[in-house]
Amino acid sequence: MAKQKNRSGSKWLDPNKVTGRRAKRYCKLCGTEATQVRILKNENICENCVRELEKKKGGVYACKGCGKVAPKQVQDNNGYCKSCVCRACGKPDPEFVQKHGFCESCFELIGTDCRKCGKEAAAQVRRNDGLCDKCAGR
């Protein structure tokens, strides 16, 4: 059997290792070449532009909630990435969704997990209005 090349699983093009046709890649926002700075493979955005986009949280390239640079996800979810949108209804609720996986309204409909810590305790949650015994102070 022939050995296959060990390809790095990195999502960045490293300027020290870029050769051939990949050396001609450039950032689609500022025009910096792959031989000068690291470039995000899938999006063709340089590392400097990625940092700026994460700070701005504009909703075009970067998520409005967490700042993650994922243009396709952001475009599909009206300015939010997949990790800031409720898995059940698709409504953005970045803070609550990142902690529990669902928006607050869907989380209450499910009704088996504690609203504060996320622990699954159906009976305790029913008894303490959405909180487990530990969070309710019992």
N, C-alpha and C. Protein backbone atom coordinates (compact mmCIF):
# COMPACT_ATOMS: atom_id res chain seq x y z
N MET A 1 0.83 -1.19 0.00
CA MET A 1 0.00 0.00 0.00
C MET A 1 0.87 1.25 0.00
N ALA A 2 0.43 2.21 -0.74
CA ALA A 2 1.18 3.48 -0.81
C ALA A 2 0.79 4.37 0.36
N LYS A 3 1.76 5.08 0.89
CA LYS A 3 1.49 6.00 1.98
C LYS A 3 0.87 7.28 1.43
N GLN A 4 -0.10 7.80 2.16
CA GLN A 4 -0.73 9.05 1.76
C GLN A 4 -0.02 10.20 2.44
N LYS A 5 -0.09 11.36 1.80
CA LYS A 5 0.51 12.55 2.39
C LYS A 5 -0.23 12.90 3.67
N ASN A 6 0.50 13.33 4.67
CA ASN A 6 -0.10 13.77 5.92
C ASN A 6 -0.50 15.24 5.77
N ARG A 7 -1.76 15.47 5.57
CA ARG A 7 -2.24 16.84 5.39
C ARG A 7 -2.63 17.42 6.74
N SER A 8 -2.24 18.65 6.95
CA SER A 8 -2.57 19.28 8.22
C SER A 8 -4.05 19.63 8.25
N GLY A 9 -4.66 19.49 9.39
CA GLY A 9 -6.08 19.77 9.55
C GLY A 9 -6.34 21.23 9.85
N SER A 10 -5.37 22.08 9.65
CA SER A 10 -5.51 23.49 9.97
C SER A 10 -6.44 24.19 8.98
N LYS A 11 -7.18 25.16 9.49
CA LYS A 11 -8.05 25.94 8.62
C LYS A 11 -7.35 27.18 8.07
N TRP A 12 -6.05 27.33 8.37
CA TRP A 12 -5.26 28.47 7.92
C TRP A 12 -4.20 28.04 6.92
N LEU A 13 -3.91 28.91 5.94
CA LEU A 13 -2.77 28.74 5.05
C LEU A 13 -1.59 29.44 5.70
N ASP A 14 -0.53 28.71 5.98
CA ASP A 14 0.65 29.26 6.64
C ASP A 14 1.57 29.90 5.59
N PRO A 15 1.98 31.17 5.77
CA PRO A 15 2.82 31.83 4.78
C PRO A 15 4.20 31.18 4.61
N ASN A 16 4.66 30.46 5.62
CA ASN A 16 5.97 29.80 5.53
C ASN A 16 5.91 28.50 4.73
N LYS A 17 4.71 27.94 4.56
CA LYS A 17 4.57 26.65 3.89
C LYS A 17 3.83 26.75 2.56
N VAL A 18 3.41 27.93 2.17
CA VAL A 18 2.63 28.10 0.94
C VAL A 18 3.55 28.09 -0.27
N THR A 19 3.21 27.23 -1.25
CA THR A 19 3.96 27.17 -2.50
C THR A 19 2.99 26.95 -3.66
N GLY A 20 3.46 27.15 -4.86
CA GLY A 20 2.66 26.88 -6.05
C GLY A 20 1.47 27.81 -6.21
N ARG A 21 0.36 27.25 -6.62
CA ARG A 21 -0.83 28.07 -6.89
C ARG A 21 -1.42 28.66 -5.61
N ARG A 22 -1.20 28.02 -4.48
CA ARG A 22 -1.71 28.55 -3.21
C ARG A 22 -1.01 29.85 -2.82
N ALA A 23 0.19 30.07 -3.30
CA ALA A 23 0.93 31.29 -2.99
C ALA A 23 0.27 32.52 -3.62
N LYS A 24 -0.56 32.30 -4.62
CA LYS A 24 -1.24 33.41 -5.30
C LYS A 24 -2.56 33.78 -4.63
N ARG A 25 -2.95 33.06 -3.58
CA ARG A 25 -4.19 33.38 -2.87
C ARG A 25 -4.01 34.69 -2.11
N TYR A 26 -5.10 35.43 -1.99
CA TYR A 26 -5.04 36.71 -1.30
C TYR A 26 -6.33 36.94 -0.53
N CYS A 27 -6.28 37.86 0.42
CA CYS A 27 -7.42 38.22 1.24
C CYS A 27 -8.44 38.97 0.39
N LYS A 28 -9.69 38.56 0.44
CA LYS A 28 -10.70 39.23 -0.38
C LYS A 28 -11.14 40.57 0.19
N LEU A 29 -10.71 40.90 1.40
CA LEU A 29 -11.08 42.19 1.99
C LEU A 29 -9.98 43.24 1.81
N CYS A 30 -8.73 42.86 2.08
CA CYS A 30 -7.65 43.85 2.02
C CYS A 30 -6.63 43.58 0.92
N GLY A 31 -6.63 42.39 0.33
CA GLY A 31 -5.72 42.09 -0.76
C GLY A 31 -4.35 41.57 -0.37
N THR A 32 -4.10 41.29 0.90
CA THR A 32 -2.82 40.76 1.35
C THR A 32 -2.62 39.35 0.82
N GLU A 33 -1.43 39.04 0.33
CA GLU A 33 -1.16 37.72 -0.24
C GLU A 33 -0.88 36.68 0.83
N ALA A 34 -1.05 35.42 0.47
CA ALA A 34 -0.84 34.30 1.39
C ALA A 34 0.62 34.16 1.80
N THR A 35 1.54 34.73 1.06
CA THR A 35 2.95 34.65 1.43
C THR A 35 3.32 35.67 2.50
N GLN A 36 2.43 36.61 2.79
CA GLN A 36 2.71 37.65 3.78
C GLN A 36 2.07 37.38 5.14
N VAL A 37 0.89 36.82 5.15
CA VAL A 37 0.16 36.60 6.40
C VAL A 37 -0.73 35.36 6.25
N ARG A 38 -1.10 34.74 7.39
CA ARG A 38 -1.97 33.56 7.33
C ARG A 38 -3.34 33.94 6.77
N ILE A 39 -3.89 33.04 5.96
CA ILE A 39 -5.19 33.27 5.34
C ILE A 39 -6.12 32.11 5.68
N LEU A 40 -7.35 32.43 6.06
CA LEU A 40 -8.37 31.45 6.34
C LEU A 40 -8.73 30.74 5.05
N LYS A 41 -8.53 29.42 4.98
CA LYS A 41 -8.66 28.66 3.73
C LYS A 41 -10.03 28.80 3.09
N ASN A 42 -11.09 28.52 3.82
CA ASN A 42 -12.42 28.47 3.22
C ASN A 42 -12.95 29.83 2.80
N GLU A 43 -12.56 30.88 3.49
CA GLU A 43 -13.14 32.20 3.25
C GLU A 43 -12.22 33.17 2.53
N ASN A 44 -10.93 32.86 2.42
CA ASN A 44 -9.94 33.76 1.83
C ASN A 44 -9.92 35.13 2.53
N ILE A 45 -9.84 35.08 3.84
CA ILE A 45 -9.75 36.29 4.66
C ILE A 45 -8.48 36.17 5.50
N CYS A 46 -7.65 37.23 5.52
CA CYS A 46 -6.38 37.17 6.26
C CYS A 46 -6.63 37.26 7.77
N GLU A 47 -5.60 36.90 8.52
CA GLU A 47 -5.69 36.87 9.98
C GLU A 47 -6.00 38.25 10.57
N ASN A 48 -5.42 39.30 10.01
CA ASN A 48 -5.67 40.65 10.50
C ASN A 48 -7.13 41.06 10.32
N CYS A 49 -7.69 40.75 9.16
CA CYS A 49 -9.09 41.08 8.89
C CYS A 49 -10.03 40.25 9.77
N VAL A 50 -9.65 39.00 10.05
CA VAL A 50 -10.47 38.16 10.92
C VAL A 50 -10.54 38.77 12.31
N ARG A 51 -9.43 39.24 12.84
CA ARG A 51 -9.42 39.88 14.16
C ARG A 51 -10.32 41.12 14.19
N GLU A 52 -10.23 41.94 13.15
CA GLU A 52 -11.07 43.14 13.07
C GLU A 52 -12.55 42.77 12.99
N LEU A 53 -12.88 41.77 12.19
CA LEU A 53 -14.28 41.35 12.05
C LEU A 53 -14.82 40.80 13.36
N GLU A 54 -14.00 40.06 14.11
CA GLU A 54 -14.44 39.52 15.40
C GLU A 54 -14.76 40.64 16.38
N LYS A 55 -13.99 41.72 16.33
CA LYS A 55 -14.23 42.86 17.22
C LYS A 55 -15.50 43.62 16.84
N LYS A 56 -15.71 43.79 15.53
CA LYS A 56 -16.85 44.57 15.05
C LYS A 56 -18.19 43.86 15.20
N LYS A 57 -18.21 42.52 15.02
CA LYS A 57 -19.44 41.73 15.09
C LYS A 57 -20.51 42.32 14.17
N GLY A 58 -20.14 42.53 12.92
CA GLY A 58 -21.00 43.23 11.97
C GLY A 58 -22.22 42.50 11.47
N GLY A 59 -22.20 41.18 11.43
CA GLY A 59 -23.34 40.44 10.94
C GLY A 59 -23.26 40.09 9.46
N VAL A 60 -22.16 40.48 8.79
CA VAL A 60 -21.97 40.12 7.38
C VAL A 60 -21.00 38.96 7.27
N TYR A 61 -19.83 39.09 7.86
CA TYR A 61 -18.83 38.03 7.90
C TYR A 61 -18.76 37.40 9.29
N ALA A 62 -18.94 38.21 10.32
CA ALA A 62 -18.81 37.74 11.70
C ALA A 62 -20.17 37.78 12.41
N CYS A 63 -20.36 36.86 13.33
CA CYS A 63 -21.60 36.74 14.08
C CYS A 63 -21.84 37.96 14.96
N LYS A 64 -23.08 38.43 15.01
CA LYS A 64 -23.44 39.57 15.85
C LYS A 64 -23.35 39.24 17.33
N GLY A 65 -23.50 37.96 17.68
CA GLY A 65 -23.50 37.56 19.07
C GLY A 65 -22.14 37.29 19.64
N CYS A 66 -21.37 36.39 19.00
CA CYS A 66 -20.09 35.97 19.58
C CYS A 66 -18.88 36.46 18.80
N GLY A 67 -19.06 36.92 17.57
CA GLY A 67 -17.95 37.44 16.78
C GLY A 67 -17.25 36.39 15.93
N LYS A 68 -17.72 35.16 15.94
CA LYS A 68 -17.11 34.08 15.14
C LYS A 68 -17.21 34.42 13.66
N VAL A 69 -16.10 34.24 12.92
CA VAL A 69 -16.09 34.52 11.49
C VAL A 69 -16.53 33.27 10.74
N ALA A 70 -17.76 33.29 10.25
CA ALA A 70 -18.35 32.18 9.50
C ALA A 70 -19.39 32.75 8.54
N PRO A 71 -18.96 33.33 7.42
CA PRO A 71 -19.86 34.03 6.51
C PRO A 71 -21.08 33.24 6.05
N LYS A 72 -20.92 31.95 5.76
CA LYS A 72 -22.06 31.16 5.28
C LYS A 72 -23.11 30.97 6.37
N GLN A 73 -22.67 30.65 7.58
CA GLN A 73 -23.60 30.49 8.70
C GLN A 73 -24.28 31.81 9.02
N VAL A 74 -23.52 32.90 9.00
CA VAL A 74 -24.05 34.22 9.33
C VAL A 74 -25.10 34.64 8.29
N GLN A 75 -24.84 34.34 7.04
CA GLN A 75 -25.78 34.68 5.97
C GLN A 75 -27.06 33.86 6.10
N ASP A 76 -26.94 32.58 6.45
CA ASP A 76 -28.10 31.71 6.58
C ASP A 76 -28.96 32.05 7.79
N ASN A 77 -28.36 32.58 8.85
CA ASN A 77 -29.08 32.82 10.11
C ASN A 77 -29.26 34.30 10.44
N ASN A 78 -29.35 35.14 9.44
CA ASN A 78 -29.61 36.58 9.62
C ASN A 78 -28.63 37.27 10.57
N GLY A 79 -27.34 37.03 10.38
CA GLY A 79 -26.32 37.73 11.15
C GLY A 79 -25.77 36.97 12.34
N TYR A 80 -26.23 35.74 12.57
CA TYR A 80 -25.77 34.95 13.71
C TYR A 80 -25.21 33.62 13.24
N CYS A 81 -24.23 33.08 13.96
CA CYS A 81 -23.66 31.77 13.61
C CYS A 81 -24.56 30.67 14.19
N LYS A 82 -24.23 29.45 13.84
CA LYS A 82 -25.03 28.30 14.26
C LYS A 82 -25.05 28.12 15.78
N SER A 83 -23.97 28.49 16.45
CA SER A 83 -23.91 28.29 17.89
C SER A 83 -24.63 29.37 18.70
N CYS A 84 -25.15 30.41 18.03
CA CYS A 84 -25.90 31.47 18.71
C CYS A 84 -27.40 31.42 18.40
N VAL A 85 -27.82 30.42 17.63
CA VAL A 85 -29.22 30.31 17.21
C VAL A 85 -29.83 29.06 17.85
N CYS A 86 -31.07 29.17 18.30
CA CYS A 86 -31.78 28.05 18.92
C CYS A 86 -31.91 26.88 17.94
N ARG A 87 -31.62 25.68 18.43
CA ARG A 87 -31.70 24.49 17.58
C ARG A 87 -33.14 24.12 17.24
N ALA A 88 -34.09 24.51 18.08
CA ALA A 88 -35.48 24.13 17.86
C ALA A 88 -36.23 25.11 16.95
N CYS A 89 -36.17 26.40 17.28
CA CYS A 89 -36.99 27.38 16.54
C CYS A 89 -36.18 28.28 15.60
N GLY A 90 -34.86 28.35 15.77
CA GLY A 90 -34.02 29.17 14.90
C GLY A 90 -33.93 30.63 15.31
N LYS A 91 -34.46 30.98 16.47
CA LYS A 91 -34.41 32.36 16.96
C LYS A 91 -33.05 32.64 17.61
N PRO A 92 -32.42 33.79 17.29
CA PRO A 92 -31.13 34.10 17.92
C PRO A 92 -31.29 34.53 19.38
N ASP A 93 -30.50 33.95 20.25
CA ASP A 93 -30.45 34.29 21.66
C ASP A 93 -29.07 33.87 22.16
N PRO A 94 -28.01 34.62 21.73
CA PRO A 94 -26.62 34.17 21.93
C PRO A 94 -26.24 33.74 23.33
N GLU A 95 -26.54 34.53 24.33
CA GLU A 95 -26.10 34.21 25.69
C GLU A 95 -26.75 32.93 26.19
N PHE A 96 -28.06 32.80 26.03
CA PHE A 96 -28.78 31.64 26.56
C PHE A 96 -28.51 30.39 25.73
N VAL A 97 -28.45 30.54 24.41
CA VAL A 97 -28.23 29.38 23.53
C VAL A 97 -26.85 28.78 23.74
N GLN A 98 -25.82 29.59 23.93
CA GLN A 98 -24.48 29.05 24.14
C GLN A 98 -24.38 28.27 25.45
N LYS A 99 -25.19 28.63 26.42
CA LYS A 99 -25.16 27.93 27.70
C LYS A 99 -26.02 26.67 27.69
N HIS A 100 -27.22 26.74 27.06
CA HIS A 100 -28.17 25.64 27.15
C HIS A 100 -28.48 24.93 25.83
N GLY A 101 -28.19 25.55 24.69
CA GLY A 101 -28.45 24.93 23.40
C GLY A 101 -29.78 25.32 22.78
N PHE A 102 -30.65 25.93 23.56
CA PHE A 102 -31.96 26.37 23.08
C PHE A 102 -32.21 27.80 23.56
N CYS A 103 -33.13 28.51 22.91
CA CYS A 103 -33.50 29.85 23.39
C CYS A 103 -34.30 29.70 24.68
N GLU A 104 -34.53 30.78 25.36
CA GLU A 104 -35.19 30.73 26.66
C GLU A 104 -36.62 30.20 26.57
N SER A 105 -37.36 30.62 25.54
CA SER A 105 -38.75 30.17 25.42
C SER A 105 -38.84 28.68 25.10
N CYS A 106 -38.00 28.17 24.21
CA CYS A 106 -37.99 26.73 23.91
C CYS A 106 -37.51 25.92 25.10
N PHE A 107 -36.56 26.47 25.84
CA PHE A 107 -36.01 25.79 27.01
C PHE A 107 -37.10 25.61 28.06
N GLU A 108 -37.95 26.63 28.23
CA GLU A 108 -39.03 26.53 29.20
C GLU A 108 -40.11 25.56 28.73
N LEU A 109 -40.34 25.49 27.41
CA LEU A 109 -41.30 24.53 26.87
C LEU A 109 -40.85 23.09 27.11
N ILE A 110 -39.56 22.84 26.97
CA ILE A 110 -39.03 21.50 27.21
C ILE A 110 -39.20 21.16 28.69
N GLY A 111 -38.81 22.09 29.56
CA GLY A 111 -39.11 22.02 30.98
C GLY A 111 -38.46 20.93 31.80
N THR A 112 -37.35 20.35 31.38
CA THR A 112 -36.71 19.31 32.19
C THR A 112 -35.38 19.75 32.77
N ASP A 113 -34.81 20.85 32.30
CA ASP A 113 -33.50 21.31 32.75
C ASP A 113 -33.63 22.60 33.58
N CYS A 114 -32.69 22.78 34.49
CA CYS A 114 -32.63 23.98 35.32
C CYS A 114 -32.28 25.19 34.46
N ARG A 115 -33.00 26.30 34.66
CA ARG A 115 -32.75 27.51 33.88
C ARG A 115 -31.41 28.14 34.21
N LYS A 116 -30.92 27.95 35.42
CA LYS A 116 -29.69 28.60 35.84
C LYS A 116 -28.44 27.80 35.49
N CYS A 117 -28.39 26.54 35.86
CA CYS A 117 -27.16 25.74 35.65
C CYS A 117 -27.26 24.74 34.50
N GLY A 118 -28.48 24.42 34.03
CA GLY A 118 -28.64 23.50 32.92
C GLY A 118 -28.72 22.03 33.31
N LYS A 119 -28.70 21.73 34.60
CA LYS A 119 -28.75 20.34 35.07
C LYS A 119 -30.13 19.75 34.75
N GLU A 120 -30.14 18.50 34.28
CA GLU A 120 -31.40 17.84 33.98
C GLU A 120 -31.98 17.26 35.27
N ALA A 121 -33.11 17.80 35.70
CA ALA A 121 -33.78 17.36 36.93
C ALA A 121 -35.25 17.73 36.81
N ALA A 122 -36.00 16.92 36.08
CA ALA A 122 -37.38 17.25 35.73
C ALA A 122 -38.27 17.51 36.95
N ALA A 123 -38.24 16.64 37.94
CA ALA A 123 -39.11 16.80 39.11
C ALA A 123 -38.74 18.06 39.91
N GLN A 124 -37.45 18.29 40.11
CA GLN A 124 -37.01 19.46 40.86
C GLN A 124 -37.39 20.74 40.12
N VAL A 125 -37.25 20.74 38.80
CA VAL A 125 -37.57 21.91 37.98
C VAL A 125 -39.06 22.23 38.07
N ARG A 126 -39.90 21.20 38.02
CA ARG A 126 -41.35 21.43 38.15
C ARG A 126 -41.69 21.99 39.53
N ARG A 127 -41.06 21.48 40.56
CA ARG A 127 -41.34 21.88 41.94
C ARG A 127 -40.84 23.30 42.24
N ASN A 128 -39.70 23.71 41.64
CA ASN A 128 -39.06 24.99 41.99
C ASN A 128 -39.18 26.05 40.90
N ASP A 129 -40.19 26.00 40.08
CA ASP A 129 -40.41 26.99 39.02
C ASP A 129 -39.21 27.16 38.09
N GLY A 130 -38.67 26.05 37.57
CA GLY A 130 -37.62 26.11 36.57
C GLY A 130 -36.20 25.99 37.11
N LEU A 131 -36.04 25.82 38.42
CA LEU A 131 -34.69 25.70 39.01
C LEU A 131 -34.53 24.36 39.70
N CYS A 132 -33.30 23.85 39.72
CA CYS A 132 -33.03 22.62 40.48
C CYS A 132 -32.94 22.98 41.96
N ASP A 133 -32.89 21.98 42.82
CA ASP A 133 -32.84 22.23 44.27
C ASP A 133 -31.63 23.05 44.67
N LYS A 134 -30.48 22.77 44.06
CA LYS A 134 -29.25 23.47 44.41
C LYS A 134 -29.35 24.97 44.07
N CYS A 135 -29.87 25.31 42.87
CA CYS A 135 -29.99 26.70 42.46
C CYS A 135 -31.13 27.42 43.18
N ALA A 136 -32.13 26.67 43.60
CA ALA A 136 -33.25 27.26 44.33
C ALA A 136 -32.91 27.50 45.80
N GLY A 137 -31.81 26.91 46.26
CA GLY A 137 -31.36 27.13 47.64
C GLY A 137 -31.99 26.17 48.63
N ARG A 138 -32.44 25.02 48.18
CA ARG A 138 -33.05 24.03 49.08
C ARG A 138 -32.04 23.03 49.56
